[in-house]
């Protein structure tokens, strides 16, 4: 199975890549930072020698680069079976006080990246009548929260994109799953003082994404909502 994962150099994207690589699938991964991406590629190849893994650094918030990455995938894999739209950015702040341009930046990174890459890869899924798209939304896609600002707005938009895409692709046997993780312990939490045991592990989310991808063609997990057992922070 050919699995495309964006934002794969660390955090949730890296954990999802590890889970699919462990099962021996072929991976095509992307991240904006070339150094971090190829470090992750080396780690994955070393840990999972049975998996075929390729990487290409691109900033998917830029339309041309998102489309170029998609064409690169098609040139190397010919088609994608699973697409995990995980690339994104987070800028905290309130709507009235966040930096000028925050909304545009969040929309480009968190919505447009998924939109433009999906448009390149989904025609092949429709032709084959097979495929699964995962959009990494957030608990911020479901409920407003303090200091969420443009980030929450962009994640609400990604949720809307997921719902519309699912309805469009349902007749073509292509699945769309929206993933809504709460707090997950990744690099962004390092040094924050939060006890890692208080929030989820990246492997928790990766395990759910992988499990949803393994169901029969007749079954689709439409939404995955995960929160820390003790509740959101």
C-alpha atoms as a PDB file:
ATOM      1  CA  UNK A   1       0.000   0.000   0.000  1.00  0.00           C
ATOM      2  CA  UNK A   2       1.315   3.458  -0.928  1.00  0.00           C
ATOM      3  CA  UNK A   3       0.947   5.876   1.990  1.00  0.00           C
ATOM      4  CA  UNK A   4       1.504   9.628   1.616  1.00  0.00           C
ATOM      5  CA  UNK A   5       2.111  11.577   4.831  1.00  0.00           C
ATOM      6  CA  UNK A   6       2.689  15.316   5.097  1.00  0.00           C
ATOM      7  CA  UNK A   7       4.272  17.049   8.072  1.00  0.00           C
ATOM      8  CA  UNK A   8       6.072  13.758   8.639  1.00  0.00           C
ATOM      9  CA  UNK A   9       9.368  14.907  10.144  1.00  0.00           C
ATOM     10  CA  UNK A  10       8.148  14.962  13.748  1.00  0.00           C
ATOM     11  CA  UNK A  11       5.178  14.710  16.090  1.00  0.00           C
ATOM     12  CA  UNK A  12       2.017  13.064  14.855  1.00  0.00           C
ATOM     13  CA  UNK A  13       3.224  12.796  11.264  1.00  0.00           C
ATOM     14  CA  UNK A  14       6.355  10.937  12.285  1.00  0.00           C
ATOM     15  CA  UNK A  15       4.408   8.611  14.584  1.00  0.00           C
ATOM     16  CA  UNK A  16       1.957   7.803  11.789  1.00  0.00           C
ATOM     17  CA  UNK A  17       4.869   7.154   9.409  1.00  0.00           C
ATOM     18  CA  UNK A  18       6.426   4.778  11.941  1.00  0.00           C
ATOM     19  CA  UNK A  19       3.168   2.844  12.326  1.00  0.00           C
ATOM     20  CA  UNK A  20       2.690   2.318   8.589  1.00  0.00           C
ATOM     21  CA  UNK A  21       6.385   1.563   8.031  1.00  0.00           C
ATOM     22  CA  UNK A  22       6.281  -1.077  10.766  1.00  0.00           C
ATOM     23  CA  UNK A  23       3.572  -2.832   8.759  1.00  0.00           C
ATOM     24  CA  UNK A  24       5.785  -2.829   5.662  1.00  0.00           C
ATOM     25  CA  UNK A  25       3.920  -0.268   3.567  1.00  0.00           C
ATOM     26  CA  UNK A  26       5.572   2.063   1.049  1.00  0.00           C
ATOM     27  CA  UNK A  27       5.830   5.632   2.359  1.00  0.00           C
ATOM     28  CA  UNK A  28       6.117   8.956   0.551  1.00  0.00           C
ATOM     29  CA  UNK A  29       6.710  11.635   3.155  1.00  0.00           C
ATOM     30  CA  UNK A  30       7.020  15.387   3.140  1.00  0.00           C
ATOM     31  CA  UNK A  31       7.907  18.226   5.495  1.00  0.00           C
ATOM     32  CA  UNK A  32       8.947  21.823   5.120  1.00  0.00           C
ATOM     33  CA  UNK A  33      12.324  21.547   6.894  1.00  0.00           C
ATOM     34  CA  UNK A  34      14.701  19.542   4.711  1.00  0.00           C
ATOM     35  CA  UNK A  35      17.196  18.761   7.499  1.00  0.00           C
ATOM     36  CA  UNK A  36      14.513  17.417   9.856  1.00  0.00           C
ATOM     37  CA  UNK A  37      12.829  15.476   7.057  1.00  0.00           C
ATOM     38  CA  UNK A  38      15.933  13.623   5.925  1.00  0.00           C
ATOM     39  CA  UNK A  39      16.921  12.894   9.498  1.00  0.00           C
ATOM     40  CA  UNK A  40      13.512  11.265   9.945  1.00  0.00           C
ATOM     41  CA  UNK A  41      13.915   9.424   6.637  1.00  0.00           C
ATOM     42  CA  UNK A  42      17.232   7.974   7.827  1.00  0.00           C
ATOM     43  CA  UNK A  43      15.678   6.897  11.131  1.00  0.00           C
ATOM     44  CA  UNK A  44      12.753   5.223   9.389  1.00  0.00           C
ATOM     45  CA  UNK A  45      14.940   3.366   6.895  1.00  0.00           C
ATOM     46  CA  UNK A  46      17.170   2.127   9.714  1.00  0.00           C
ATOM     47  CA  UNK A  47      14.290   1.037  11.931  1.00  0.00           C
ATOM     48  CA  UNK A  48      12.103  -0.454   9.196  1.00  0.00           C
ATOM     49  CA  UNK A  49      14.343  -1.907   6.462  1.00  0.00           C
ATOM     50  CA  UNK A  50      11.417  -3.839   4.988  1.00  0.00           C
ATOM     51  CA  UNK A  51       9.528  -0.679   4.058  1.00  0.00           C
ATOM     52  CA  UNK A  52      10.081   1.402   0.928  1.00  0.00           C
ATOM     53  CA  UNK A  53      10.376   5.027   2.029  1.00  0.00           C
ATOM     54  CA  UNK A  54      11.016   8.159  -0.013  1.00  0.00           C
ATOM     55  CA  UNK A  55      10.993  11.805   1.053  1.00  0.00           C
ATOM     56  CA  UNK A  56      10.771  15.216  -0.571  1.00  0.00           C
ATOM     57  CA  UNK A  57      10.990  18.550   1.252  1.00  0.00           C
ATOM     58  CA  UNK A  58       8.307  21.023   0.261  1.00  0.00           C
ATOM     59  CA  UNK A  59       6.377  23.869   1.913  1.00  0.00           C
ATOM     60  CA  UNK A  60       2.814  22.771   1.273  1.00  0.00           C
ATOM     61  CA  UNK A  61       1.375  26.116   2.338  1.00  0.00           C
ATOM     62  CA  UNK A  62       2.550  27.286  -1.105  1.00  0.00           C
ATOM     63  CA  UNK A  63       0.187  26.013  -3.802  1.00  0.00           C
ATOM     64  CA  UNK A  64       2.883  25.334  -6.390  1.00  0.00           C
ATOM     65  CA  UNK A  65       4.936  23.299  -3.926  1.00  0.00           C
ATOM     66  CA  UNK A  66       1.900  21.300  -2.770  1.00  0.00           C
ATOM     67  CA  UNK A  67       1.077  20.449  -6.372  1.00  0.00           C
ATOM     68  CA  UNK A  68       4.719  19.645  -7.126  1.00  0.00           C
ATOM     69  CA  UNK A  69       4.875  17.226  -4.200  1.00  0.00           C
ATOM     70  CA  UNK A  70       1.718  15.526  -5.431  1.00  0.00           C
ATOM     71  CA  UNK A  71       3.162  15.127  -8.923  1.00  0.00           C
ATOM     72  CA  UNK A  72       6.366  13.752  -7.395  1.00  0.00           C
ATOM     73  CA  UNK A  73       4.315  11.127  -5.559  1.00  0.00           C
ATOM     74  CA  UNK A  74       2.562  10.117  -8.772  1.00  0.00           C
ATOM     75  CA  UNK A  75       5.875   9.918 -10.616  1.00  0.00           C
ATOM     76  CA  UNK A  76       7.351   7.625  -7.961  1.00  0.00           C
ATOM     77  CA  UNK A  77       4.346   5.636  -6.743  1.00  0.00           C
ATOM     78  CA  UNK A  78       1.929   6.025  -9.694  1.00  0.00           C
ATOM     79  CA  UNK A  79      -0.933   6.248  -7.201  1.00  0.00           C
ATOM     80  CA  UNK A  80      -1.701   6.856  -3.530  1.00  0.00           C
ATOM     81  CA  UNK A  81      -3.745   4.405  -1.466  1.00  0.00           C
ATOM     82  CA  UNK A  82      -3.695   6.456   1.740  1.00  0.00           C
ATOM     83  CA  UNK A  83      -3.182  10.207   2.064  1.00  0.00           C
ATOM     84  CA  UNK A  84      -2.613  11.716   5.504  1.00  0.00           C
ATOM     85  CA  UNK A  85      -2.934  15.504   5.355  1.00  0.00           C
ATOM     86  CA  UNK A  86      -1.054  16.325   8.539  1.00  0.00           C
ATOM     87  CA  UNK A  87       1.014  19.396   7.597  1.00  0.00           C
ATOM     88  CA  UNK A  88       0.092  22.469   9.579  1.00  0.00           C
ATOM     89  CA  UNK A  89       1.153  25.337  11.808  1.00  0.00           C
ATOM     90  CA  UNK A  90       0.023  26.836  15.096  1.00  0.00           C
ATOM     91  CA  UNK A  91       0.124  30.523  16.017  1.00  0.00           C
ATOM     92  CA  UNK A  92      -1.643  31.249  19.322  1.00  0.00           C
ATOM     93  CA  UNK A  93      -3.568  34.445  19.885  1.00  0.00           C
ATOM     94  CA  UNK A  94      -6.950  36.082  20.021  1.00  0.00           C
ATOM     95  CA  UNK A  95      -8.670  37.304  16.876  1.00  0.00           C
ATOM     96  CA  UNK A  96      -8.316  40.944  17.942  1.00  0.00           C
ATOM     97  CA  UNK A  97      -4.706  40.720  19.125  1.00  0.00           C
ATOM     98  CA  UNK A  98      -2.925  38.063  17.039  1.00  0.00           C
ATOM     99  CA  UNK A  99      -0.270  39.233  14.530  1.00  0.00           C
ATOM    100  CA  UNK A 100      -1.441  40.669  11.228  1.00  0.00           C
ATOM    101  CA  UNK A 101      -1.459  37.921   8.629  1.00  0.00           C
ATOM    102  CA  UNK A 102      -2.020  35.121  11.149  1.00  0.00           C
ATOM    103  CA  UNK A 103      -5.293  34.076   9.560  1.00  0.00           C
ATOM    104  CA  UNK A 104      -3.826  33.962   6.055  1.00  0.00           C
ATOM    105  CA  UNK A 105      -0.824  31.950   7.287  1.00  0.00           C
ATOM    106  CA  UNK A 106      -2.978  29.479   9.205  1.00  0.00           C
ATOM    107  CA  UNK A 107      -5.379  28.981   6.317  1.00  0.00           C
ATOM    108  CA  UNK A 108      -2.527  28.371   3.882  1.00  0.00           C
ATOM    109  CA  UNK A 109      -0.766  25.881   6.162  1.00  0.00           C
ATOM    110  CA  UNK A 110      -3.755  24.099   7.676  1.00  0.00           C
ATOM    111  CA  UNK A 111      -6.340  24.145   4.876  1.00  0.00           C
ATOM    112  CA  UNK A 112      -4.917  25.075   1.500  1.00  0.00           C
ATOM    113  CA  UNK A 113      -2.065  22.560   1.818  1.00  0.00           C
ATOM    114  CA  UNK A 114      -4.572  19.711   2.183  1.00  0.00           C
ATOM    115  CA  UNK A 115      -6.863  21.110  -0.502  1.00  0.00           C
ATOM    116  CA  UNK A 116      -4.219  21.475  -3.214  1.00  0.00           C
ATOM    117  CA  UNK A 117      -2.435  18.165  -2.535  1.00  0.00           C
ATOM    118  CA  UNK A 118      -5.705  16.255  -2.392  1.00  0.00           C
ATOM    119  CA  UNK A 119      -6.751  17.684  -5.762  1.00  0.00           C
ATOM    120  CA  UNK A 120      -3.615  16.191  -7.334  1.00  0.00           C
ATOM    121  CA  UNK A 121      -3.908  12.725  -5.796  1.00  0.00           C
ATOM    122  CA  UNK A 122      -7.652  12.106  -5.584  1.00  0.00           C
ATOM    123  CA  UNK A 123      -8.405  11.691  -9.313  1.00  0.00           C
ATOM    124  CA  UNK A 124      -6.411   8.461  -9.295  1.00  0.00           C
ATOM    125  CA  UNK A 125      -8.352   7.212  -6.286  1.00  0.00           C
ATOM    126  CA  UNK A 126     -11.629   7.955  -8.058  1.00  0.00           C
ATOM    127  CA  UNK A 127     -10.462   6.121 -11.174  1.00  0.00           C
ATOM    128  CA  UNK A 128      -9.479   3.044  -9.148  1.00  0.00           C
ATOM    129  CA  UNK A 129     -12.532   3.358  -6.882  1.00  0.00           C
ATOM    130  CA  UNK A 130     -10.271   2.917  -3.891  1.00  0.00           C
ATOM    131  CA  UNK A 131      -8.424   5.147  -1.448  1.00  0.00           C
ATOM    132  CA  UNK A 132      -8.513   6.695   1.995  1.00  0.00           C
ATOM    133  CA  UNK A 133      -7.864  10.326   2.941  1.00  0.00           C
ATOM    134  CA  UNK A 134      -7.176  11.342   6.531  1.00  0.00           C
ATOM    135  CA  UNK A 135      -7.366  15.035   7.415  1.00  0.00           C
ATOM    136  CA  UNK A 136      -5.682  15.866  10.713  1.00  0.00           C
ATOM    137  CA  UNK A 137      -8.088  18.322  12.240  1.00  0.00           C
ATOM    138  CA  UNK A 138      -8.088  19.111  15.958  1.00  0.00           C
ATOM    139  CA  UNK A 139     -10.333  19.390  18.973  1.00  0.00           C
ATOM    140  CA  UNK A 140     -10.053  23.070  17.974  1.00  0.00           C
ATOM    141  CA  UNK A 141     -12.104  22.099  14.889  1.00  0.00           C
ATOM    142  CA  UNK A 142     -15.071  21.285  17.122  1.00  0.00           C
ATOM    143  CA  UNK A 143     -15.005  23.820  19.930  1.00  0.00           C
ATOM    144  CA  UNK A 144     -13.637  27.332  20.290  1.00  0.00           C
ATOM    145  CA  UNK A 145     -11.080  27.723  23.072  1.00  0.00           C
ATOM    146  CA  UNK A 146      -9.138  30.605  24.646  1.00  0.00           C
ATOM    147  CA  UNK A 147      -6.277  31.937  22.533  1.00  0.00           C
ATOM    148  CA  UNK A 148      -7.315  29.774  19.583  1.00  0.00           C
ATOM    149  CA  UNK A 149      -7.859  32.610  17.127  1.00  0.00           C
ATOM    150  CA  UNK A 150      -6.908  31.988  13.514  1.00  0.00           C
ATOM    151  CA  UNK A 151      -5.664  28.476  14.275  1.00  0.00           C
ATOM    152  CA  UNK A 152      -9.094  27.341  15.439  1.00  0.00           C
ATOM    153  CA  UNK A 153     -10.744  29.076  12.471  1.00  0.00           C
ATOM    154  CA  UNK A 154      -8.463  27.229  10.039  1.00  0.00           C
ATOM    155  CA  UNK A 155      -9.125  23.904  11.741  1.00  0.00           C
ATOM    156  CA  UNK A 156     -12.886  24.467  11.601  1.00  0.00           C
ATOM    157  CA  UNK A 157     -12.368  25.041   7.876  1.00  0.00           C
ATOM    158  CA  UNK A 158     -10.419  21.790   7.525  1.00  0.00           C
ATOM    159  CA  UNK A 159     -13.315  20.003   9.203  1.00  0.00           C
ATOM    160  CA  UNK A 160     -15.683  21.538   6.659  1.00  0.00           C
ATOM    161  CA  UNK A 161     -13.380  20.488   3.829  1.00  0.00           C
ATOM    162  CA  UNK A 162     -13.420  16.929   5.184  1.00  0.00           C
ATOM    163  CA  UNK A 163     -17.219  16.790   5.328  1.00  0.00           C
ATOM    164  CA  UNK A 164     -17.649  18.125   1.799  1.00  0.00           C
ATOM    165  CA  UNK A 165     -14.930  15.890   0.395  1.00  0.00           C
ATOM    166  CA  UNK A 166     -16.507  12.819   2.003  1.00  0.00           C
ATOM    167  CA  UNK A 167     -19.859  13.513   0.376  1.00  0.00           C
ATOM    168  CA  UNK A 168     -18.236  14.037  -3.019  1.00  0.00           C
ATOM    169  CA  UNK A 169     -16.151  10.872  -2.860  1.00  0.00           C
ATOM    170  CA  UNK A 170     -18.638   8.525  -1.207  1.00  0.00           C
ATOM    171  CA  UNK A 171     -20.122   7.337  -4.552  1.00  0.00           C
ATOM    172  CA  UNK A 172     -16.594   6.557  -5.787  1.00  0.00           C
ATOM    173  CA  UNK A 173     -15.699   4.260  -2.853  1.00  0.00           C
ATOM    174  CA  UNK A 174     -13.042   6.666  -1.600  1.00  0.00           C
ATOM    175  CA  UNK A 175     -13.053   7.141   2.175  1.00  0.00           C
ATOM    176  CA  UNK A 176     -12.468  10.384   4.092  1.00  0.00           C
ATOM    177  CA  UNK A 177     -11.718  10.417   7.810  1.00  0.00           C
ATOM    178  CA  UNK A 178     -11.398  13.550   9.934  1.00  0.00           C
ATOM    179  CA  UNK A 179      -9.119  13.127  12.955  1.00  0.00           C
ATOM    180  CA  UNK A 180      -9.668  15.350  16.010  1.00  0.00           C
ATOM    181  CA  UNK A 181      -6.841  14.908  18.536  1.00  0.00           C
ATOM    182  CA  UNK A 182      -6.760  16.726  21.839  1.00  0.00           C
ATOM    183  CA  UNK A 183      -3.460  17.426  23.592  1.00  0.00           C
ATOM    184  CA  UNK A 184      -0.683  15.060  22.443  1.00  0.00           C
ATOM    185  CA  UNK A 185       2.824  15.091  23.890  1.00  0.00           C
ATOM    186  CA  UNK A 186       5.096  16.148  21.034  1.00  0.00           C
ATOM    187  CA  UNK A 187       8.116  18.471  20.761  1.00  0.00           C
ATOM    188  CA  UNK A 188       5.852  21.488  21.104  1.00  0.00           C
ATOM    189  CA  UNK A 189       5.120  20.484  24.699  1.00  0.00           C
ATOM    190  CA  UNK A 190       8.766  19.943  25.662  1.00  0.00           C
ATOM    191  CA  UNK A 191       9.790  22.328  28.419  1.00  0.00           C
ATOM    192  CA  UNK A 192       6.215  23.406  29.069  1.00  0.00           C
ATOM    193  CA  UNK A 193       6.100  21.823  32.499  1.00  0.00           C
ATOM    194  CA  UNK A 194       3.195  19.558  31.503  1.00  0.00           C
ATOM    195  CA  UNK A 195       3.546  15.993  32.782  1.00  0.00           C
ATOM    196  CA  UNK A 196       3.808  13.737  29.691  1.00  0.00           C
ATOM    197  CA  UNK A 197       1.530  11.258  31.454  1.00  0.00           C
ATOM    198  CA  UNK A 198      -1.209  13.908  31.676  1.00  0.00           C
ATOM    199  CA  UNK A 199      -1.778  14.003  27.908  1.00  0.00           C
ATOM    200  CA  UNK A 200      -1.841  11.524  25.045  1.00  0.00           C
ATOM    201  CA  UNK A 201       1.071   9.983  23.184  1.00  0.00           C
ATOM    202  CA  UNK A 202       1.571  10.469  19.456  1.00  0.00           C
ATOM    203  CA  UNK A 203       1.446   6.704  19.027  1.00  0.00           C
ATOM    204  CA  UNK A 204      -2.148   6.740  20.337  1.00  0.00           C
ATOM    205  CA  UNK A 205      -3.263   8.833  17.379  1.00  0.00           C
ATOM    206  CA  UNK A 206      -1.092   6.876  14.943  1.00  0.00           C
ATOM    207  CA  UNK A 207      -2.626   3.614  16.101  1.00  0.00           C
ATOM    208  CA  UNK A 208      -6.156   4.893  15.504  1.00  0.00           C
ATOM    209  CA  UNK A 209      -5.321   6.186  12.023  1.00  0.00           C
ATOM    210  CA  UNK A 210      -3.701   2.885  11.098  1.00  0.00           C
ATOM    211  CA  UNK A 211      -6.610   0.848  12.449  1.00  0.00           C
ATOM    212  CA  UNK A 212      -9.140   2.921  10.485  1.00  0.00           C
ATOM    213  CA  UNK A 213      -7.124   2.326   7.309  1.00  0.00           C
ATOM    214  CA  UNK A 214      -7.372  -1.449   7.708  1.00  0.00           C
ATOM    215  CA  UNK A 215     -11.157  -1.842   7.609  1.00  0.00           C
ATOM    216  CA  UNK A 216     -13.084  -3.524   4.824  1.00  0.00           C
ATOM    217  CA  UNK A 217     -14.057  -1.432   1.775  1.00  0.00           C
ATOM    218  CA  UNK A 218     -17.621  -1.318   3.099  1.00  0.00           C
ATOM    219  CA  UNK A 219     -16.666   0.423   6.360  1.00  0.00           C
ATOM    220  CA  UNK A 220     -15.537   4.013   6.888  1.00  0.00           C
ATOM    221  CA  UNK A 221     -14.619   5.646  10.171  1.00  0.00           C
ATOM    222  CA  UNK A 222     -15.824   9.155   9.424  1.00  0.00           C
ATOM    223  CA  UNK A 223     -14.509  10.898  12.560  1.00  0.00           C
ATOM    224  CA  UNK A 224     -11.876  10.006  15.145  1.00  0.00           C
ATOM    225  CA  UNK A 225     -12.043  12.064  18.350  1.00  0.00           C
ATOM    226  CA  UNK A 226      -9.325  11.485  20.932  1.00  0.00           C
ATOM    227  CA  UNK A 227      -8.883  13.359  24.189  1.00  0.00           C
ATOM    228  CA  UNK A 228      -6.674  12.828  27.240  1.00  0.00           C
ATOM    229  CA  UNK A 229      -8.434  10.599  29.757  1.00  0.00           C
ATOM    230  CA  UNK A 230      -8.378  13.413  32.320  1.00  0.00           C
ATOM    231  CA  UNK A 231      -9.827  15.888  29.839  1.00  0.00           C
ATOM    232  CA  UNK A 232      -8.474  18.743  27.751  1.00  0.00           C
ATOM    233  CA  UNK A 233      -5.916  21.134  29.170  1.00  0.00           C
END
